[in-house]
Amino acid sequence: QAQLVESGGGLVQPGGSLRLSCAASGFTFSVYAMRWYRQTPGKERELVATISRDGDNINYADSVKGRFIISRDNAKRTAYQQVSSLQPEDTAVYYCNARYLVNSYWGQGTQVTVSS
C-alpha cells in the first residue's frame, strides 16, 4: 500500500527555519515526481515546489523562491523541503505529493506555524 508520511513541522519564530521530510513506502519512489503543497483554512491548496524523479528539474512558486529548497534522496525514499526565512503568511499545513502518470499519492500533512 502506497504511503507518504510527512514530518518536521512545528512552531517557529519569524525568520526561522525548518526541514520538512516526506518518507515514502509501498511504491517505486524513484520514478515519481515529488511536489510540496500547502494549505490554510478557507483557501485552496497551493503548489509550493516540484522536483523531478532524478532531481534535475526543480520549480518553485514565486512566493517561496529563494527561501525554500526542495530535494530528494531516492536511496532513502524521502523528499525534503528546507523552509527558511519563514514569515507568518507561511503558516499552513504542508503536504507532499508523489505523481507518476495517473498515479498520485498524498501524505497526511505537517503543520507549520510561524509566530512570535
PDB file of N, CA and C in Angstrom:
ATOM      1  N   GLN A   1       0.842  -1.188   0.000  1.00  0.00           N
ATOM      2  CA  GLN A   1       0.000   0.000   0.000  1.00  0.00           C
ATOM      3  C   GLN A   1       0.880   1.243   0.000  1.00  0.00           C
ATOM      4  N   ALA A   2       0.616   2.129  -0.943  1.00  0.00           N
ATOM      5  CA  ALA A   2       1.419   3.340  -1.048  1.00  0.00           C
ATOM      6  C   ALA A   2       1.142   4.267   0.124  1.00  0.00           C
ATOM      7  N   GLN A   3       2.216   4.852   0.640  1.00  0.00           N
ATOM      8  CA  GLN A   3       2.071   5.733   1.787  1.00  0.00           C
ATOM      9  C   GLN A   3       3.138   6.813   1.750  1.00  0.00           C
ATOM     10  N   LEU A   4       2.739   8.020   2.125  1.00  0.00           N
ATOM     11  CA  LEU A   4       3.650   9.135   2.321  1.00  0.00           C
ATOM     12  C   LEU A   4       3.438   9.669   3.729  1.00  0.00           C
ATOM     13  N   VAL A   5       4.517   9.880   4.443  1.00  0.00           N
ATOM     14  CA  VAL A   5       4.420  10.383   5.809  1.00  0.00           C
ATOM     15  C   VAL A   5       5.306  11.614   5.947  1.00  0.00           C
ATOM     16  N   GLU A   6       4.673  12.763   6.191  1.00  0.00           N
ATOM     17  CA  GLU A   6       5.421  13.998   6.401  1.00  0.00           C
ATOM     18  C   GLU A   6       5.799  14.155   7.870  1.00  0.00           C
ATOM     19  N   SER A   7       6.885  14.858   8.087  1.00  0.00           N
ATOM     20  CA  SER A   7       7.313  15.189   9.443  1.00  0.00           C
ATOM     21  C   SER A   7       8.167  16.440   9.384  1.00  0.00           C
ATOM     22  N   GLY A   8       8.450  16.990  10.566  1.00  0.00           N
ATOM     23  CA  GLY A   8       9.347  18.137  10.634  1.00  0.00           C
ATOM     24  C   GLY A   8       8.675  19.470  10.854  1.00  0.00           C
ATOM     25  N   GLY A   9       7.361  19.495  10.835  1.00  0.00           N
ATOM     26  CA  GLY A   9       6.667  20.746  11.085  1.00  0.00           C
ATOM     27  C   GLY A   9       6.744  21.140  12.541  1.00  0.00           C
ATOM     28  N   GLY A  10       6.248  22.339  12.833  1.00  0.00           N
ATOM     29  CA  GLY A  10       6.252  22.800  14.214  1.00  0.00           C
ATOM     30  C   GLY A  10       6.021  24.284  14.297  1.00  0.00           C
ATOM     31  N   LEU A  11       6.257  24.821  15.484  1.00  0.00           N
ATOM     32  CA  LEU A  11       6.127  26.244  15.751  1.00  0.00           C
ATOM     33  C   LEU A  11       7.508  26.886  15.650  1.00  0.00           C
ATOM     34  N   VAL A  12       7.591  27.948  14.878  1.00  0.00           N
ATOM     35  CA  VAL A  12       8.878  28.618  14.679  1.00  0.00           C
ATOM     36  C   VAL A  12       8.640  30.127  14.659  1.00  0.00           C
ATOM     37  N   GLN A  13       9.617  30.870  15.116  1.00  0.00           N
ATOM     38  CA  GLN A  13       9.516  32.325  15.109  1.00  0.00           C
ATOM     39  C   GLN A  13       9.759  32.875  13.718  1.00  0.00           C
ATOM     40  N   PRO A  14       9.240  34.057  13.422  1.00  0.00           N
ATOM     41  CA  PRO A  14       9.533  34.687  12.126  1.00  0.00           C
ATOM     42  C   PRO A  14      11.031  34.759  11.880  1.00  0.00           C
ATOM     43  N   GLY A  15      11.420  34.419  10.662  1.00  0.00           N
ATOM     44  CA  GLY A  15      12.825  34.374  10.299  1.00  0.00           C
ATOM     45  C   GLY A  15      13.470  33.022  10.519  1.00  0.00           C
ATOM     46  N   GLY A  16      12.735  32.123  11.151  1.00  0.00           N
ATOM     47  CA  GLY A  16      13.284  30.814  11.454  1.00  0.00           C
ATOM     48  C   GLY A  16      13.222  29.841  10.282  1.00  0.00           C
ATOM     49  N   SER A  17      13.693  28.628  10.556  1.00  0.00           N
ATOM     50  CA  SER A  17      13.779  27.605   9.511  1.00  0.00           C
ATOM     51  C   SER A  17      13.304  26.262  10.049  1.00  0.00           C
ATOM     52  N   LEU A  18      12.889  25.426   9.127  1.00  0.00           N
ATOM     53  CA  LEU A  18      12.527  24.049   9.419  1.00  0.00           C
ATOM     54  C   LEU A  18      12.934  23.182   8.242  1.00  0.00           C
ATOM     55  N   ARG A  19      13.091  21.910   8.514  1.00  0.00           N
ATOM     56  CA  ARG A  19      13.307  20.950   7.444  1.00  0.00           C
ATOM     57  C   ARG A  19      12.170  19.934   7.473  1.00  0.00           C
ATOM     58  N   LEU A  20      11.375  19.957   6.428  1.00  0.00           N
ATOM     59  CA  LEU A  20      10.269  19.030   6.311  1.00  0.00           C
ATOM     60  C   LEU A  20      10.726  17.785   5.568  1.00  0.00           C
ATOM     61  N   SER A  21      10.239  16.636   6.004  1.00  0.00           N
ATOM     62  CA  SER A  21      10.568  15.373   5.359  1.00  0.00           C
ATOM     63  C   SER A  21       9.299  14.669   4.911  1.00  0.00           C
ATOM     64  N   CYS A  22       9.441  13.871   3.879  1.00  0.00           N
ATOM     65  CA  CYS A  22       8.328  13.093   3.342  1.00  0.00           C
ATOM     66  C   CYS A  22       8.854  11.703   3.021  1.00  0.00           C
ATOM     67  N   ALA A  23       8.534  10.747   3.858  1.00  0.00           N
ATOM     68  CA  ALA A  23       9.024   9.382   3.699  1.00  0.00           C
ATOM     69  C   ALA A  23       8.007   8.552   2.928  1.00  0.00           C
ATOM     70  N   ALA A  24       8.474   7.861   1.913  1.00  0.00           N
ATOM     71  CA  ALA A  24       7.602   7.089   1.032  1.00  0.00           C
ATOM     72  C   ALA A  24       7.779   5.596   1.257  1.00  0.00           C
ATOM     73  N   SER A  25       6.699   4.871   1.052  1.00  0.00           N
ATOM     74  CA  SER A  25       6.740   3.408   1.105  1.00  0.00           C
ATOM     75  C   SER A  25       5.618   2.849   0.250  1.00  0.00           C
ATOM     76  N   GLY A  26       5.795   1.623  -0.198  1.00  0.00           N
ATOM     77  CA  GLY A  26       4.734   0.934  -0.924  1.00  0.00           C
ATOM     78  C   GLY A  26       4.637   1.219  -2.408  1.00  0.00           C
ATOM     79  N   PHE A  27       5.593   1.977  -2.949  1.00  0.00           N
ATOM     80  CA  PHE A  27       5.625   2.224  -4.400  1.00  0.00           C
ATOM     81  C   PHE A  27       7.060   2.567  -4.789  1.00  0.00           C
ATOM     82  N   THR A  28       7.307   2.589  -6.089  1.00  0.00           N
ATOM     83  CA  THR A  28       8.660   2.831  -6.598  1.00  0.00           C
ATOM     84  C   THR A  28       8.942   4.328  -6.580  1.00  0.00           C
ATOM     85  N   PHE A  29       9.450   4.786  -5.474  1.00  0.00           N
ATOM     86  CA  PHE A  29       9.647   6.220  -5.234  1.00  0.00           C
ATOM     87  C   PHE A  29      10.469   6.892  -6.330  1.00  0.00           C
ATOM     88  N   SER A  30      11.469   6.211  -6.845  1.00  0.00           N
ATOM     89  CA  SER A  30      12.423   6.852  -7.754  1.00  0.00           C
ATOM     90  C   SER A  30      11.828   7.241  -9.100  1.00  0.00           C
ATOM     91  N   VAL A  31      10.658   6.720  -9.453  1.00  0.00           N
ATOM     92  CA  VAL A  31      10.078   7.090 -10.753  1.00  0.00           C
ATOM     93  C   VAL A  31       9.021   8.183 -10.605  1.00  0.00           C
ATOM     94  N   TYR A  32       8.768   8.588  -9.396  1.00  0.00           N
ATOM     95  CA  TYR A  32       7.730   9.579  -9.139  1.00  0.00           C
ATOM     96  C   TYR A  32       8.323  10.971  -8.992  1.00  0.00           C
ATOM     97  N   ALA A  33       7.695  11.941  -9.654  1.00  0.00           N
ATOM     98  CA  ALA A  33       7.993  13.331  -9.354  1.00  0.00           C
ATOM     99  C   ALA A  33       7.365  13.649  -7.992  1.00  0.00           C
ATOM    100  N   MET A  34       8.014  14.558  -7.274  1.00  0.00           N
ATOM    101  CA  MET A  34       7.522  14.910  -5.943  1.00  0.00           C
ATOM    102  C   MET A  34       7.158  16.389  -5.902  1.00  0.00           C
ATOM    103  N   ARG A  35       6.119  16.674  -5.154  1.00  0.00           N
ATOM    104  CA  ARG A  35       5.658  18.050  -5.004  1.00  0.00           C
ATOM    105  C   ARG A  35       5.360  18.328  -3.534  1.00  0.00           C
ATOM    106  N   TRP A  36       5.563  19.576  -3.160  1.00  0.00           N
ATOM    107  CA  TRP A  36       5.099  20.053  -1.863  1.00  0.00           C
ATOM    108  C   TRP A  36       4.007  21.090  -2.110  1.00  0.00           C
ATOM    109  N   TYR A  37       2.938  20.933  -1.362  1.00  0.00           N
ATOM    110  CA  TYR A  37       1.831  21.878  -1.366  1.00  0.00           C
ATOM    111  C   TYR A  37       1.660  22.415   0.052  1.00  0.00           C
ATOM    112  N   ARG A  38       0.889  23.481   0.161  1.00  0.00           N
ATOM    113  CA  ARG A  38       0.484  23.956   1.481  1.00  0.00           C
ATOM    114  C   ARG A  38      -0.941  24.464   1.408  1.00  0.00           C
ATOM    115  N   GLN A  39      -1.594  24.451   2.547  1.00  0.00           N
ATOM    116  CA  GLN A  39      -2.987  24.867   2.587  1.00  0.00           C
ATOM    117  C   GLN A  39      -3.312  25.495   3.931  1.00  0.00           C
ATOM    118  N   THR A  40      -4.034  26.606   3.870  1.00  0.00           N
ATOM    119  CA  THR A  40      -4.565  27.249   5.070  1.00  0.00           C
ATOM    120  C   THR A  40      -6.084  27.173   5.018  1.00  0.00           C
ATOM    121  N   PRO A  41      -6.730  27.238   6.173  1.00  0.00           N
ATOM    122  CA  PRO A  41      -8.195  27.111   6.210  1.00  0.00           C
ATOM    123  C   PRO A  41      -8.888  28.129   5.297  1.00  0.00           C
ATOM    124  N   GLY A  42      -9.819  27.643   4.519  1.00  0.00           N
ATOM    125  CA  GLY A  42     -10.590  28.513   3.649  1.00  0.00           C
ATOM    126  C   GLY A  42      -9.931  28.856   2.330  1.00  0.00           C
ATOM    127  N   LYS A  43      -8.720  28.333   2.125  1.00  0.00           N
ATOM    128  CA  LYS A  43      -8.014  28.608   0.873  1.00  0.00           C
ATOM    129  C   LYS A  43      -7.731  27.320   0.119  1.00  0.00           C
ATOM    130  N   GLU A  44      -7.510  27.471  -1.178  1.00  0.00           N
ATOM    131  CA  GLU A  44      -7.154  26.313  -1.999  1.00  0.00           C
ATOM    132  C   GLU A  44      -5.733  25.871  -1.688  1.00  0.00           C
ATOM    133  N   ARG A  45      -5.492  24.594  -1.934  1.00  0.00           N
ATOM    134  CA  ARG A  45      -4.145  24.073  -1.741  1.00  0.00           C
ATOM    135  C   ARG A  45      -3.205  24.719  -2.767  1.00  0.00           C
ATOM    136  N   GLU A  46      -2.079  25.205  -2.299  1.00  0.00           N
ATOM    137  CA  GLU A  46      -1.119  25.930  -3.137  1.00  0.00           C
ATOM    138  C   GLU A  46       0.095  25.057  -3.430  1.00  0.00           C
ATOM    139  N   LEU A  47       0.454  24.955  -4.703  1.00  0.00           N
ATOM    140  CA  LEU A  47       1.669  24.244  -5.088  1.00  0.00           C
ATOM    141  C   LEU A  47       2.868  25.112  -4.738  1.00  0.00           C
ATOM    142  N   VAL A  48       3.788  24.556  -3.979  1.00  0.00           N
ATOM    143  CA  VAL A  48       4.936  25.316  -3.486  1.00  0.00           C
ATOM    144  C   VAL A  48       6.204  24.996  -4.262  1.00  0.00           C
ATOM    145  N   ALA A  49       6.445  23.705  -4.500  1.00  0.00           N
ATOM    146  CA  ALA A  49       7.691  23.303  -5.146  1.00  0.00           C
ATOM    147  C   ALA A  49       7.528  21.936  -5.778  1.00  0.00           C
ATOM    148  N   THR A  50       8.270  21.712  -6.847  1.00  0.00           N
ATOM    149  CA  THR A  50       8.264  20.416  -7.519  1.00  0.00           C
ATOM    150  C   THR A  50       9.694  19.986  -7.816  1.00  0.00           C
ATOM    151  N   ILE A  51       9.898  18.687  -7.838  1.00  0.00           N
ATOM    152  CA  ILE A  51      11.199  18.129  -8.188  1.00  0.00           C
ATOM    153  C   ILE A  51      10.961  16.880  -9.023  1.00  0.00           C
ATOM    154  N   SER A  52      11.734  16.761 -10.111  1.00  0.00           N
ATOM    155  CA  SER A  52      11.593  15.612 -10.992  1.00  0.00           C
ATOM    156  C   SER A  52      12.148  14.366 -10.323  1.00  0.00           C
ATOM    157  N   ARG A  53      11.923  13.222 -10.938  1.00  0.00           N
ATOM    158  CA  ARG A  53      12.297  11.969 -10.300  1.00  0.00           C
ATOM    159  C   ARG A  53      13.793  11.833 -10.113  1.00  0.00           C
ATOM    160  N   ASP A  54      14.566  12.471 -10.993  1.00  0.00           N
ATOM    161  CA  ASP A  54      16.021  12.383 -10.841  1.00  0.00           C
ATOM    162  C   ASP A  54      16.605  13.624 -10.168  1.00  0.00           C
ATOM    163  N   GLY A  55      15.747  14.579  -9.837  1.00  0.00           N
ATOM    164  CA  GLY A  55      16.192  15.779  -9.144  1.00  0.00           C
ATOM    165  C   GLY A  55      16.755  16.864 -10.047  1.00  0.00           C
ATOM    166  N   ASP A  56      16.718  16.637 -11.355  1.00  0.00           N
ATOM    167  CA  ASP A  56      17.324  17.604 -12.270  1.00  0.00           C
ATOM    168  C   ASP A  56      16.445  18.827 -12.535  1.00  0.00           C
ATOM    169  N   ASN A  57      15.154  18.648 -12.436  1.00  0.00           N
ATOM    170  CA  ASN A  57      14.228  19.747 -12.711  1.00  0.00           C
ATOM    171  C   ASN A  57      13.496  20.135 -11.439  1.00  0.00           C
ATOM    172  N   ILE A  58      13.658  21.381 -11.055  1.00  0.00           N
ATOM    173  CA  ILE A  58      13.071  21.906  -9.825  1.00  0.00           C
ATOM    174  C   ILE A  58      12.379  23.225 -10.134  1.00  0.00           C
ATOM    175  N   ASN A  59      11.215  23.396  -9.553  1.00  0.00           N
ATOM    176  CA  ASN A  59      10.476  24.641  -9.730  1.00  0.00           C
ATOM    177  C   ASN A  59       9.856  25.069  -8.399  1.00  0.00           C
ATOM    178  N   TYR A  60       9.728  26.394  -8.249  1.00  0.00           N
ATOM    179  CA  TYR A  60       9.170  26.953  -7.023  1.00  0.00           C
ATOM    180  C   TYR A  60       8.082  27.974  -7.354  1.00  0.00           C
ATOM    181  N   ALA A  61       7.128  28.083  -6.446  1.00  0.00           N
ATOM    182  CA  ALA A  61       6.181  29.185  -6.533  1.00  0.00           C
ATOM    183  C   ALA A  61       6.923  30.483  -6.244  1.00  0.00           C
ATOM    184  N   ASP A  62       6.475  31.557  -6.850  1.00  0.00           N
ATOM    185  CA  ASP A  62       7.136  32.848  -6.649  1.00  0.00           C
ATOM    186  C   ASP A  62       7.153  33.232  -5.173  1.00  0.00           C
ATOM    187  N   SER A  63       6.143  32.829  -4.446  1.00  0.00           N
ATOM    188  CA  SER A  63       6.024  33.227  -3.039  1.00  0.00           C
ATOM    189  C   SER A  63       7.094  32.622  -2.145  1.00  0.00           C
ATOM    190  N   VAL A  64       7.765  31.570  -2.606  1.00  0.00           N
ATOM    191  CA  VAL A  64       8.758  30.909  -1.761  1.00  0.00           C
ATOM    192  C   VAL A  64      10.135  30.877  -2.410  1.00  0.00           C
ATOM    193  N   LYS A  65      10.245  31.365  -3.624  1.00  0.00           N
ATOM    194  CA  LYS A  65      11.509  31.309  -4.354  1.00  0.00           C
ATOM    195  C   LYS A  65      12.600  32.034  -3.569  1.00  0.00           C
ATOM    196  N   GLY A  66      13.735  31.380  -3.426  1.00  0.00           N
ATOM    197  CA  GLY A  66      14.849  31.962  -2.690  1.00  0.00           C
ATOM    198  C   GLY A  66      14.818  31.655  -1.203  1.00  0.00           C
ATOM    199  N   ARG A  67      13.693  31.101  -0.717  1.00  0.00           N
ATOM    200  CA  ARG A  67      13.582  30.796   0.721  1.00  0.00           C
ATOM    201  C   ARG A  67      13.403  29.299   0.977  1.00  0.00           C
ATOM    202  N   PHE A  68      12.808  28.585   0.045  1.00  0.00           N
ATOM    203  CA  PHE A  68      12.552  27.154   0.206  1.00  0.00           C
ATOM    204  C   PHE A  68      13.451  26.377  -0.758  1.00  0.00           C
ATOM    205  N   ILE A  69      13.886  25.219  -0.313  1.00  0.00           N
ATOM    206  CA  ILE A  69      14.685  24.335  -1.153  1.00  0.00           C
ATOM    207  C   ILE A  69      14.099  22.931  -1.085  1.00  0.00           C
ATOM    208  N   ILE A  70      13.712  22.414  -2.242  1.00  0.00           N
ATOM    209  CA  ILE A  70      13.199  21.046  -2.331  1.00  0.00           C
ATOM    210  C   ILE A  70      14.335  20.124  -2.750  1.00  0.00           C
ATOM    211  N   SER A  71      14.354  18.927  -2.210  1.00  0.00           N
ATOM    212  CA  SER A  71      15.378  17.950  -2.572  1.00  0.00           C
ATOM    213  C   SER A  71      14.805  16.553  -2.359  1.00  0.00           C
ATOM    214  N   ARG A  72      15.565  15.566  -2.772  1.00  0.00           N
ATOM    215  CA  ARG A  72      15.138  14.188  -2.580  1.00  0.00           C
ATOM    216  C   ARG A  72      16.338  13.268  -2.486  1.00  0.00           C
ATOM    217  N   ASP A  73      16.131  12.157  -1.824  1.00  0.00           N
ATOM    218  CA  ASP A  73      17.142  11.116  -1.718  1.00  0.00           C
ATOM    219  C   ASP A  73      16.445   9.822  -2.108  1.00  0.00           C
ATOM    220  N   ASN A  74      16.658   9.388  -3.327  1.00  0.00           N
ATOM    221  CA  ASN A  74      15.946   8.197  -3.806  1.00  0.00           C
ATOM    222  C   ASN A  74      16.376   6.938  -3.055  1.00  0.00           C
ATOM    223  N   ALA A  75      17.616   6.903  -2.612  1.00  0.00           N
ATOM    224  CA  ALA A  75      18.074   5.736  -1.851  1.00  0.00           C
ATOM    225  C   ALA A  75      17.327   5.626  -0.517  1.00  0.00           C
ATOM    226  N   LYS A  76      16.981   6.756   0.061  1.00  0.00           N
ATOM    227  CA  LYS A  76      16.253   6.765   1.325  1.00  0.00           C
ATOM    228  C   LYS A  76      14.738   6.866   1.130  1.00  0.00           C
ATOM    229  N   ARG A  77      14.316   6.987  -0.118  1.00  0.00           N
ATOM    230  CA  ARG A  77      12.897   7.089  -0.439  1.00  0.00           C
ATOM    231  C   ARG A  77      12.250   8.259   0.294  1.00  0.00           C
ATOM    232  N   THR A  78      12.934   9.360   0.299  1.00  0.00           N
ATOM    233  CA  THR A  78      12.479  10.514   1.065  1.00  0.00           C
ATOM    234  C   THR A  78      12.672  11.805   0.265  1.00  0.00           C
ATOM    235  N   ALA A  79      11.661  12.659   0.346  1.00  0.00           N
ATOM    236  CA  ALA A  79      11.768  14.007  -0.198  1.00  0.00           C
ATOM    237  C   ALA A  79      11.844  14.983   0.969  1.00  0.00           C
ATOM    238  N   TYR A  80      12.466  16.122   0.702  1.00  0.00           N
ATOM    239  CA  TYR A  80      12.673  17.119   1.747  1.00  0.00           C
ATOM    240  C   TYR A  80      12.265  18.500   1.244  1.00  0.00           C
ATOM    241  N   GLN A  81      12.003  19.356   2.182  1.00  0.00           N
ATOM    242  CA  GLN A  81      11.849  20.763   1.869  1.00  0.00           C
ATOM    243  C   GLN A  81      12.428  21.573   3.017  1.00  0.00           C
ATOM    244  N   GLN A  82      13.503  22.257   2.719  1.00  0.00           N
ATOM    245  CA  GLN A  82      14.092  23.192   3.672  1.00  0.00           C
ATOM    246  C   GLN A  82      13.359  24.515   3.526  1.00  0.00           C
ATOM    247  N   VAL A  83      12.725  24.953   4.599  1.00  0.00           N
ATOM    248  CA  VAL A  83      11.962  26.196   4.564  1.00  0.00           C
ATOM    249  C   VAL A  83      12.649  27.194   5.477  1.00  0.00           C
ATOM    250  N   SER A  84      13.022  28.328   4.933  1.00  0.00           N
ATOM    251  CA  SER A  84      13.817  29.317   5.668  1.00  0.00           C
ATOM    252  C   SER A  84      13.172  30.694   5.554  1.00  0.00           C
ATOM    253  N   SER A  85      13.682  31.604   6.371  1.00  0.00           N
ATOM    254  CA  SER A  85      13.166  32.982   6.398  1.00  0.00           C
ATOM    255  C   SER A  85      11.646  32.982   6.488  1.00  0.00           C
ATOM    256  N   LEU A  86      11.153  32.152   7.381  1.00  0.00           N
ATOM    257  CA  LEU A  86       9.708  31.957   7.476  1.00  0.00           C
ATOM    258  C   LEU A  86       9.012  33.201   7.997  1.00  0.00           C
ATOM    259  N   GLN A  87       7.837  33.432   7.450  1.00  0.00           N
ATOM    260  CA  GLN A  87       7.001  34.556   7.836  1.00  0.00           C
ATOM    261  C   GLN A  87       5.626  34.046   8.253  1.00  0.00           C
ATOM    262  N   PRO A  88       4.872  34.836   8.981  1.00  0.00           N
ATOM    263  CA  PRO A  88       3.539  34.372   9.423  1.00  0.00           C
ATOM    264  C   PRO A  88       2.655  33.888   8.278  1.00  0.00           C
ATOM    265  N   GLU A  89       2.822  34.465   7.110  1.00  0.00           N
ATOM    266  CA  GLU A  89       1.997  34.038   5.972  1.00  0.00           C
ATOM    267  C   GLU A  89       2.384  32.667   5.445  1.00  0.00           C
ATOM    268  N   ASP A  90       3.484  32.116   5.927  1.00  0.00           N
ATOM    269  CA  ASP A  90       3.875  30.751   5.561  1.00  0.00           C
ATOM    270  C   ASP A  90       3.176  29.713   6.438  1.00  0.00           C
ATOM    271  N   THR A  91       2.465  30.167   7.438  1.00  0.00           N
ATOM    272  CA  THR A  91       1.733  29.247   8.298  1.00  0.00           C
ATOM    273  C   THR A  91       0.703  28.474   7.490  1.00  0.00           C
ATOM    274  N   ALA A  92       0.783  27.145   7.569  1.00  0.00           N
ATOM    275  CA  ALA A  92      -0.090  26.291   6.767  1.00  0.00           C
ATOM    276  C   ALA A  92       0.183  24.838   7.135  1.00  0.00           C
ATOM    277  N   VAL A  93      -0.674  23.968   6.633  1.00  0.00           N
ATOM    278  CA  VAL A  93      -0.373  22.543   6.639  1.00  0.00           C
ATOM    279  C   VAL A  93       0.354  22.238   5.331  1.00  0.00           C
ATOM    280  N   TYR A  94       1.492  21.621   5.439  1.00  0.00           N
ATOM    281  CA  TYR A  94       2.311  21.303   4.278  1.00  0.00           C
ATOM    282  C   TYR A  94       2.141  19.817   3.931  1.00  0.00           C
ATOM    283  N   TYR A  95       1.844  19.561   2.659  1.00  0.00           N
ATOM    284  CA  TYR A  95       1.601  18.206   2.167  1.00  0.00           C
ATOM    285  C   TYR A  95       2.619  17.848   1.100  1.00  0.00           C
ATOM    286  N   CYS A  96       3.039  16.606   1.087  1.00  0.00           N
ATOM    287  CA  CYS A  96       3.826  16.134  -0.043  1.00  0.00           C
ATOM    288  C   CYS A  96       2.936  15.272  -0.927  1.00  0.00           C
ATOM    289  N   ASN A  97       3.298  15.243  -2.195  1.00  0.00           N
ATOM    290  CA  ASN A  97       2.532  14.532  -3.209  1.00  0.00           C
ATOM    291  C   ASN A  97       3.497  13.835  -4.146  1.00  0.00           C
ATOM    292  N   ALA A  98       3.225  12.585  -4.426  1.00  0.00           N
ATOM    293  CA  ALA A  98       4.005  11.815  -5.394  1.00  0.00           C
ATOM    294  C   ALA A  98       3.141  11.593  -6.631  1.00  0.00           C
ATOM    295  N   ARG A  99       3.742  11.825  -7.804  1.00  0.00           N
ATOM    296  CA  ARG A  99       2.940  11.753  -9.018  1.00  0.00           C
ATOM    297  C   ARG A  99       3.718  11.069 -10.144  1.00  0.00           C
ATOM    298  N   TYR A 100       3.048  10.090 -10.775  1.00  0.00           N
ATOM    299  CA  TYR A 100       3.630   9.396 -11.939  1.00  0.00           C
ATOM    300  C   TYR A 100       2.498   8.907 -12.801  1.00  0.00           C
ATOM    301  N   LEU A 101       2.427   9.375 -14.016  1.00  0.00           N
ATOM    302  CA  LEU A 101       1.336   9.055 -14.948  1.00  0.00           C
ATOM    303  C   LEU A 101       0.004   9.354 -14.262  1.00  0.00           C
ATOM    304  N   VAL A 102      -0.851   8.373 -14.101  1.00  0.00           N
ATOM    305  CA  VAL A 102      -2.162   8.613 -13.493  1.00  0.00           C
ATOM    306  C   VAL A 102      -2.142   8.394 -11.984  1.00  0.00           C
ATOM    307  N   ASN A 103      -1.013   7.990 -11.455  1.00  0.00           N
ATOM    308  CA  ASN A 103      -0.923   7.709 -10.022  1.00  0.00           C
ATOM    309  C   ASN A 103      -0.549   8.964  -9.244  1.00  0.00           C
ATOM    310  N   SER A 104      -1.236   9.171  -8.147  1.00  0.00           N
ATOM    311  CA  SER A 104      -0.962  10.329  -7.305  1.00  0.00           C
ATOM    312  C   SER A 104      -1.235   9.953  -5.847  1.00  0.00           C
ATOM    313  N   TYR A 105      -0.233  10.154  -5.006  1.00  0.00           N
ATOM    314  CA  TYR A 105      -0.359   9.817  -3.594  1.00  0.00           C
ATOM    315  C   TYR A 105      -0.109  11.051  -2.748  1.00  0.00           C
ATOM    316  N   TRP A 106      -0.824  11.125  -1.619  1.00  0.00           N
ATOM    317  CA  TRP A 106      -0.715  12.262  -0.713  1.00  0.00           C
ATOM    318  C   TRP A 106      -0.376  11.794   0.695  1.00  0.00           C
ATOM    319  N   GLY A 107       0.366  12.634   1.373  1.00  0.00           N
ATOM    320  CA  GLY A 107       0.588  12.413   2.785  1.00  0.00           C
ATOM    321  C   GLY A 107      -0.506  13.080   3.596  1.00  0.00           C
ATOM    322  N   GLN A 108      -0.398  12.941   4.912  1.00  0.00           N
ATOM    323  CA  GLN A 108      -1.428  13.463   5.812  1.00  0.00           C
ATOM    324  C   GLN A 108      -1.181  14.925   6.191  1.00  0.00           C
ATOM    325  N   GLY A 109       0.006  15.425   5.876  1.00  0.00           N
ATOM    326  CA  GLY A 109       0.319  16.819   6.136  1.00  0.00           C
ATOM    327  C   GLY A 109       1.063  17.022   7.447  1.00  0.00           C
ATOM    328  N   THR A 110       1.827  18.105   7.491  1.00  0.00           N
ATOM    329  CA  THR A 110       2.513  18.501   8.712  1.00  0.00           C
ATOM    330  C   THR A 110       2.302  20.007   8.911  1.00  0.00           C
ATOM    331  N   GLN A 111       1.950  20.393  10.108  1.00  0.00           N
ATOM    332  CA  GLN A 111       1.605  21.774  10.397  1.00  0.00           C
ATOM    333  C   GLN A 111       2.861  22.608  10.627  1.00  0.00           C
ATOM    334  N   VAL A 112       2.938  23.725   9.935  1.00  0.00           N
ATOM    335  CA  VAL A 112       3.975  24.721  10.172  1.00  0.00           C
ATOM    336  C   VAL A 112       3.290  25.996  10.656  1.00  0.00           C
ATOM    337  N   THR A 113       3.686  26.457  11.824  1.00  0.00           N
ATOM    338  CA  THR A 113       3.118  27.679  12.388  1.00  0.00           C
ATOM    339  C   THR A 113       4.240  28.658  12.651  1.00  0.00           C
ATOM    340  N   VAL A 114       4.131  29.840  12.059  1.00  0.00           N
ATOM    341  CA  VAL A 114       5.143  30.876  12.220  1.00  0.00           C
ATOM    342  C   VAL A 114       4.538  31.987  13.073  1.00  0.00           C
ATOM    343  N   SER A 115       5.080  32.150  14.262  1.00  0.00           N
ATOM    344  CA  SER A 115       4.518  33.123  15.184  1.00  0.00           C
ATOM    345  C   SER A 115       5.551  33.489  16.231  1.00  0.00           C
ATOM    346  N   SER A 116       5.497  34.743  16.667  1.00  0.00           N
ATOM    347  CA  SER A 116       6.376  35.175  17.743  1.00  0.00           C
ATOM    348  C   SER A 116       5.677  35.027  19.099  1.00  0.00           C
TER     349      SER A 116
END
